Amino acid sequence: MSARITAGKRFVLSPSTKLRTCLSQREQLSARWLLAAMLGAVAFVIAGNVSAQYPNRPLRYVVPQAPGSASDTSARIVAFELTRILGQQVIVDNRPGGGLTIGIDMVVRASPDGYTI
């Protein structure tokens, strides 16, 4: 295999005798940053359109502790503030038992739509 360098680019003759251009490391890094910036801009635009519609139904705040516990009290304070900020009701759902696994399992198995916290 032979290689020659011309004006910052390296042309490599591959075993299949096709000529291809290899970008320098600096050019590859610049191309990656440009691609990441473009994908970030697209995600930002899509997130802006989605966030205008969210939340359009009540949120569910799962607390894996018994009602009246310290976790329940703090969750109710947070739910009150979220209701005020988002303009949508936040329901505190207590699921005690199993060493917190019942409530955690409920959140893990919930649909990934952002309505179960």
N, C-alpha and C. Protein backbone atom coordinates (compact mmCIF):
# COMPACT_ATOMS: atom_id res chain seq x y z
N MET A 1 0.85 -1.15 0.00
CA MET A 1 0.00 0.00 0.00
C MET A 1 0.91 1.22 0.00
N SER A 2 0.57 2.19 -0.81
CA SER A 2 1.37 3.41 -0.86
C SER A 2 0.54 4.59 -0.43
N ALA A 3 1.21 5.64 0.03
CA ALA A 3 0.50 6.84 0.47
C ALA A 3 1.33 8.06 0.10
N ARG A 4 0.67 9.15 -0.21
CA ARG A 4 1.37 10.40 -0.45
C ARG A 4 0.54 11.52 0.17
N ILE A 5 1.20 12.57 0.62
CA ILE A 5 0.52 13.68 1.27
C ILE A 5 0.50 14.85 0.29
N THR A 6 -0.70 15.41 0.08
CA THR A 6 -0.86 16.53 -0.83
C THR A 6 -1.75 17.57 -0.17
N ALA A 7 -1.24 18.74 0.08
CA ALA A 7 -2.00 19.89 0.60
C ALA A 7 -2.83 19.52 1.82
N GLY A 8 -2.22 18.86 2.80
CA GLY A 8 -2.92 18.57 4.05
C GLY A 8 -3.80 17.34 4.00
N LYS A 9 -3.99 16.74 2.84
CA LYS A 9 -4.81 15.55 2.73
C LYS A 9 -3.91 14.38 2.37
N ARG A 10 -4.28 13.22 2.79
CA ARG A 10 -3.50 12.03 2.50
C ARG A 10 -4.33 11.14 1.60
N PHE A 11 -3.81 10.79 0.48
CA PHE A 11 -4.51 9.91 -0.44
C PHE A 11 -3.94 8.51 -0.26
N VAL A 12 -4.82 7.56 -0.01
CA VAL A 12 -4.38 6.20 0.27
C VAL A 12 -4.94 5.29 -0.81
N LEU A 13 -4.08 4.50 -1.37
CA LEU A 13 -4.51 3.52 -2.34
C LEU A 13 -4.84 2.25 -1.56
N SER A 14 -6.13 1.94 -1.49
CA SER A 14 -6.56 0.79 -0.69
C SER A 14 -6.25 -0.50 -1.43
N PRO A 15 -6.32 -1.61 -0.75
CA PRO A 15 -6.05 -2.90 -1.40
C PRO A 15 -6.97 -3.16 -2.59
N SER A 16 -8.17 -2.60 -2.57
CA SER A 16 -9.07 -2.81 -3.70
C SER A 16 -8.82 -1.80 -4.81
N THR A 17 -7.71 -1.09 -4.74
CA THR A 17 -7.25 -0.10 -5.72
C THR A 17 -8.23 1.05 -5.93
N LYS A 18 -9.03 1.35 -4.94
CA LYS A 18 -9.88 2.53 -5.00
C LYS A 18 -9.18 3.67 -4.29
N LEU A 19 -9.30 4.86 -4.83
CA LEU A 19 -8.66 6.02 -4.24
C LEU A 19 -9.66 6.69 -3.30
N ARG A 20 -9.27 6.90 -2.06
CA ARG A 20 -10.16 7.59 -1.13
C ARG A 20 -9.38 8.65 -0.38
N THR A 21 -10.08 9.66 0.10
CA THR A 21 -9.46 10.77 0.80
C THR A 21 -9.59 10.55 2.29
N CYS A 22 -8.51 10.67 3.01
CA CYS A 22 -8.53 10.59 4.46
C CYS A 22 -8.35 11.99 5.01
N LEU A 23 -9.28 12.44 5.82
CA LEU A 23 -9.18 13.76 6.42
C LEU A 23 -8.16 13.75 7.54
N SER A 24 -7.53 14.89 7.76
CA SER A 24 -6.59 14.99 8.88
C SER A 24 -7.38 14.92 10.19
N GLN A 25 -6.68 14.71 11.28
CA GLN A 25 -7.36 14.62 12.57
C GLN A 25 -8.07 15.92 12.91
N ARG A 26 -7.47 17.05 12.58
CA ARG A 26 -8.10 18.35 12.85
C ARG A 26 -9.38 18.49 12.05
N GLU A 27 -9.36 18.09 10.79
CA GLU A 27 -10.56 18.17 9.95
C GLU A 27 -11.65 17.24 10.45
N GLN A 28 -11.25 16.04 10.90
CA GLN A 28 -12.23 15.11 11.45
C GLN A 28 -12.88 15.67 12.71
N LEU A 29 -12.08 16.29 13.57
CA LEU A 29 -12.61 16.88 14.78
C LEU A 29 -13.56 18.03 14.46
N SER A 30 -13.20 18.86 13.50
CA SER A 30 -14.07 19.97 13.09
C SER A 30 -15.38 19.45 12.52
N ALA A 31 -15.29 18.39 11.72
CA ALA A 31 -16.50 17.81 11.13
C ALA A 31 -17.40 17.23 12.22
N ARG A 32 -16.81 16.60 13.23
CA ARG A 32 -17.60 16.05 14.33
C ARG A 32 -18.30 17.15 15.12
N TRP A 33 -17.57 18.23 15.40
CA TRP A 33 -18.17 19.35 16.12
C TRP A 33 -19.31 19.97 15.32
N LEU A 34 -19.12 20.11 14.01
CA LEU A 34 -20.17 20.67 13.17
C LEU A 34 -21.40 19.77 13.17
N LEU A 35 -21.19 18.46 13.06
CA LEU A 35 -22.30 17.51 13.10
C LEU A 35 -23.01 17.57 14.44
N ALA A 36 -22.25 17.61 15.53
CA ALA A 36 -22.86 17.69 16.87
C ALA A 36 -23.65 18.98 17.03
N ALA A 37 -23.13 20.08 16.51
CA ALA A 37 -23.85 21.35 16.61
C ALA A 37 -25.15 21.31 15.80
N MET A 38 -25.10 20.72 14.62
CA MET A 38 -26.32 20.63 13.80
C MET A 38 -27.36 19.74 14.47
N LEU A 39 -26.92 18.60 15.01
CA LEU A 39 -27.87 17.71 15.70
C LEU A 39 -28.44 18.38 16.95
N GLY A 40 -27.61 19.12 17.66
CA GLY A 40 -28.09 19.86 18.83
C GLY A 40 -29.13 20.90 18.45
N ALA A 41 -28.90 21.60 17.33
CA ALA A 41 -29.87 22.61 16.89
C ALA A 41 -31.20 21.96 16.51
N VAL A 42 -31.13 20.82 15.84
CA VAL A 42 -32.36 20.10 15.47
C VAL A 42 -33.09 19.64 16.72
N ALA A 43 -32.37 19.08 17.69
CA ALA A 43 -33.00 18.63 18.93
C ALA A 43 -33.62 19.79 19.69
N PHE A 44 -32.95 20.95 19.67
CA PHE A 44 -33.47 22.13 20.35
C PHE A 44 -34.79 22.57 19.73
N VAL A 45 -34.86 22.56 18.41
CA VAL A 45 -36.09 22.97 17.72
C VAL A 45 -37.21 21.98 18.01
N ILE A 46 -36.90 20.68 17.96
CA ILE A 46 -37.92 19.67 18.24
C ILE A 46 -38.39 19.76 19.69
N ALA A 47 -37.46 19.94 20.62
CA ALA A 47 -37.83 20.05 22.04
C ALA A 47 -38.70 21.29 22.28
N GLY A 48 -38.45 22.35 21.56
CA GLY A 48 -39.27 23.56 21.70
C GLY A 48 -40.70 23.31 21.28
N ASN A 49 -40.89 22.53 20.22
CA ASN A 49 -42.24 22.23 19.76
C ASN A 49 -42.94 21.27 20.71
N VAL A 50 -42.22 20.31 21.26
CA VAL A 50 -42.82 19.34 22.17
C VAL A 50 -43.15 19.99 23.51
N SER A 51 -42.26 20.84 24.01
CA SER A 51 -42.47 21.42 25.33
C SER A 51 -43.67 22.36 25.36
N ALA A 52 -44.08 22.88 24.22
CA ALA A 52 -45.26 23.74 24.19
C ALA A 52 -46.52 22.95 24.50
N GLN A 53 -46.48 21.64 24.27
CA GLN A 53 -47.65 20.80 24.49
C GLN A 53 -47.60 20.06 25.83
N TYR A 54 -46.46 20.08 26.50
CA TYR A 54 -46.29 19.31 27.74
C TYR A 54 -46.48 20.20 28.93
N PRO A 55 -47.09 19.83 29.97
CA PRO A 55 -47.94 18.67 30.16
C PRO A 55 -49.38 19.00 29.78
N ASN A 56 -50.03 18.07 29.15
CA ASN A 56 -51.43 18.28 28.78
C ASN A 56 -52.37 17.39 29.57
N ARG A 57 -51.85 16.69 30.59
CA ARG A 57 -52.67 15.89 31.51
C ARG A 57 -51.95 15.83 32.85
N PRO A 58 -52.62 15.40 33.91
CA PRO A 58 -51.99 15.39 35.24
C PRO A 58 -50.74 14.53 35.30
N LEU A 59 -49.77 14.98 36.10
CA LEU A 59 -48.54 14.23 36.35
C LEU A 59 -48.74 13.33 37.56
N ARG A 60 -48.01 12.22 37.61
CA ARG A 60 -48.10 11.29 38.73
C ARG A 60 -46.74 11.26 39.42
N TYR A 61 -46.72 11.61 40.69
CA TYR A 61 -45.50 11.66 41.49
C TYR A 61 -45.55 10.47 42.45
N VAL A 62 -44.79 9.42 42.15
CA VAL A 62 -44.80 8.19 42.95
C VAL A 62 -43.82 8.33 44.11
N VAL A 63 -44.32 8.09 45.32
CA VAL A 63 -43.50 8.13 46.54
C VAL A 63 -43.51 6.72 47.12
N PRO A 64 -42.33 6.08 47.22
CA PRO A 64 -42.29 4.70 47.72
C PRO A 64 -42.29 4.62 49.24
N GLN A 65 -42.97 5.52 49.91
CA GLN A 65 -43.06 5.55 51.38
C GLN A 65 -44.53 5.66 51.77
N ALA A 66 -44.82 5.39 53.02
CA ALA A 66 -46.19 5.45 53.54
C ALA A 66 -46.66 6.91 53.64
N PRO A 67 -47.97 7.14 53.51
CA PRO A 67 -48.50 8.49 53.69
C PRO A 67 -48.18 9.01 55.09
N GLY A 68 -47.82 10.27 55.17
CA GLY A 68 -47.49 10.89 56.45
C GLY A 68 -46.01 10.83 56.79
N SER A 69 -45.22 10.12 56.01
CA SER A 69 -43.78 10.06 56.27
C SER A 69 -43.12 11.36 55.81
N ALA A 70 -41.86 11.51 56.17
CA ALA A 70 -41.13 12.72 55.76
C ALA A 70 -41.03 12.82 54.25
N SER A 71 -40.83 11.68 53.58
CA SER A 71 -40.76 11.68 52.11
C SER A 71 -42.09 12.11 51.50
N ASP A 72 -43.19 11.64 52.08
CA ASP A 72 -44.51 12.01 51.59
C ASP A 72 -44.76 13.50 51.77
N THR A 73 -44.38 14.04 52.91
CA THR A 73 -44.59 15.46 53.18
C THR A 73 -43.79 16.33 52.21
N SER A 74 -42.53 15.97 51.99
CA SER A 74 -41.73 16.77 51.06
C SER A 74 -42.22 16.59 49.63
N ALA A 75 -42.71 15.40 49.27
CA ALA A 75 -43.25 15.19 47.93
C ALA A 75 -44.50 16.03 47.71
N ARG A 76 -45.31 16.18 48.73
CA ARG A 76 -46.52 17.00 48.59
C ARG A 76 -46.18 18.48 48.44
N ILE A 77 -45.13 18.93 49.10
CA ILE A 77 -44.69 20.32 48.94
C ILE A 77 -44.17 20.54 47.52
N VAL A 78 -43.37 19.60 47.02
CA VAL A 78 -42.86 19.69 45.65
C VAL A 78 -44.00 19.63 44.64
N ALA A 79 -44.96 18.73 44.87
CA ALA A 79 -46.10 18.60 43.96
C ALA A 79 -46.92 19.88 43.92
N PHE A 80 -47.10 20.53 45.06
CA PHE A 80 -47.84 21.79 45.11
C PHE A 80 -47.15 22.85 44.26
N GLU A 81 -45.82 22.95 44.41
CA GLU A 81 -45.07 23.94 43.63
C GLU A 81 -45.06 23.61 42.14
N LEU A 82 -44.93 22.32 41.79
CA LEU A 82 -44.99 21.94 40.39
C LEU A 82 -46.35 22.25 39.77
N THR A 83 -47.41 22.03 40.54
CA THR A 83 -48.74 22.35 40.06
C THR A 83 -48.85 23.84 39.78
N ARG A 84 -48.30 24.65 40.67
CA ARG A 84 -48.35 26.10 40.49
C ARG A 84 -47.52 26.54 39.29
N ILE A 85 -46.33 25.96 39.11
CA ILE A 85 -45.44 26.37 38.03
C ILE A 85 -45.92 25.87 36.67
N LEU A 86 -46.30 24.60 36.58
CA LEU A 86 -46.68 24.00 35.30
C LEU A 86 -48.11 24.28 34.90
N GLY A 87 -48.94 24.60 35.87
CA GLY A 87 -50.35 24.82 35.55
C GLY A 87 -51.10 23.54 35.30
N GLN A 88 -50.55 22.43 35.72
CA GLN A 88 -51.20 21.13 35.57
C GLN A 88 -51.09 20.40 36.89
N GLN A 89 -52.14 19.67 37.25
CA GLN A 89 -52.18 18.99 38.54
C GLN A 89 -51.11 17.90 38.64
N VAL A 90 -50.47 17.81 39.81
CA VAL A 90 -49.50 16.76 40.11
C VAL A 90 -50.08 15.93 41.24
N ILE A 91 -50.28 14.65 40.99
CA ILE A 91 -50.90 13.75 41.95
C ILE A 91 -49.82 12.94 42.66
N VAL A 92 -49.82 12.97 43.99
CA VAL A 92 -48.86 12.19 44.79
C VAL A 92 -49.47 10.82 45.00
N ASP A 93 -48.74 9.78 44.55
CA ASP A 93 -49.20 8.40 44.64
C ASP A 93 -48.25 7.63 45.56
N ASN A 94 -48.71 7.31 46.78
CA ASN A 94 -47.88 6.57 47.73
C ASN A 94 -47.96 5.08 47.45
N ARG A 95 -46.78 4.45 47.30
CA ARG A 95 -46.68 3.00 47.08
C ARG A 95 -45.65 2.41 48.03
N PRO A 96 -46.00 2.27 49.31
CA PRO A 96 -45.03 1.74 50.28
C PRO A 96 -44.91 0.22 50.18
N GLY A 97 -43.82 -0.29 50.76
CA GLY A 97 -43.65 -1.73 50.87
C GLY A 97 -42.49 -2.25 50.05
N GLY A 98 -42.05 -3.43 50.43
CA GLY A 98 -41.00 -4.12 49.70
C GLY A 98 -39.66 -3.40 49.74
N GLY A 99 -39.41 -2.64 50.79
CA GLY A 99 -38.14 -1.93 50.88
C GLY A 99 -37.97 -0.95 49.74
N LEU A 100 -38.99 -0.23 49.42
CA LEU A 100 -39.06 0.79 48.35
C LEU A 100 -39.18 0.20 46.95
N THR A 101 -39.07 -1.12 46.80
CA THR A 101 -39.07 -1.70 45.46
C THR A 101 -40.41 -1.62 44.75
N ILE A 102 -41.50 -1.59 45.47
CA ILE A 102 -42.82 -1.52 44.84
C ILE A 102 -42.99 -0.19 44.11
N GLY A 103 -42.67 0.90 44.79
CA GLY A 103 -42.79 2.21 44.16
C GLY A 103 -41.78 2.41 43.04
N ILE A 104 -40.55 1.96 43.26
CA ILE A 104 -39.52 2.11 42.24
C ILE A 104 -39.86 1.27 41.01
N ASP A 105 -40.35 0.06 41.23
CA ASP A 105 -40.75 -0.79 40.12
C ASP A 105 -41.89 -0.17 39.32
N MET A 106 -42.78 0.50 40.00
CA MET A 106 -43.90 1.15 39.32
C MET A 106 -43.40 2.26 38.38
N VAL A 107 -42.42 3.02 38.83
CA VAL A 107 -41.87 4.09 38.00
C VAL A 107 -41.08 3.50 36.83
N VAL A 108 -40.33 2.45 37.08
CA VAL A 108 -39.53 1.82 36.02
C VAL A 108 -40.42 1.25 34.94
N ARG A 109 -41.55 0.67 35.31
CA ARG A 109 -42.44 0.05 34.34
C ARG A 109 -43.42 1.04 33.70
N ALA A 110 -43.44 2.27 34.15
CA ALA A 110 -44.35 3.26 33.57
C ALA A 110 -43.92 3.58 32.14
N SER A 111 -44.88 4.00 31.34
CA SER A 111 -44.54 4.38 29.97
C SER A 111 -43.61 5.60 29.99
N PRO A 112 -42.64 5.64 29.09
CA PRO A 112 -41.64 6.72 29.11
C PRO A 112 -42.14 8.00 28.46
N ASP A 113 -43.27 8.49 28.94
CA ASP A 113 -43.84 9.70 28.33
C ASP A 113 -43.61 10.95 29.19
N GLY A 114 -42.99 10.80 30.35
CA GLY A 114 -42.68 11.94 31.19
C GLY A 114 -43.79 12.34 32.14
N TYR A 115 -44.82 11.52 32.25
CA TYR A 115 -45.93 11.86 33.13
C TYR A 115 -45.87 11.12 34.47
N THR A 116 -44.89 10.26 34.67
CA THR A 116 -44.70 9.57 35.93
C THR A 116 -43.33 9.93 36.47
N ILE A 117 -43.33 10.52 37.67
CA ILE A 117 -42.08 10.96 38.30
C ILE A 117 -41.81 10.07 39.48
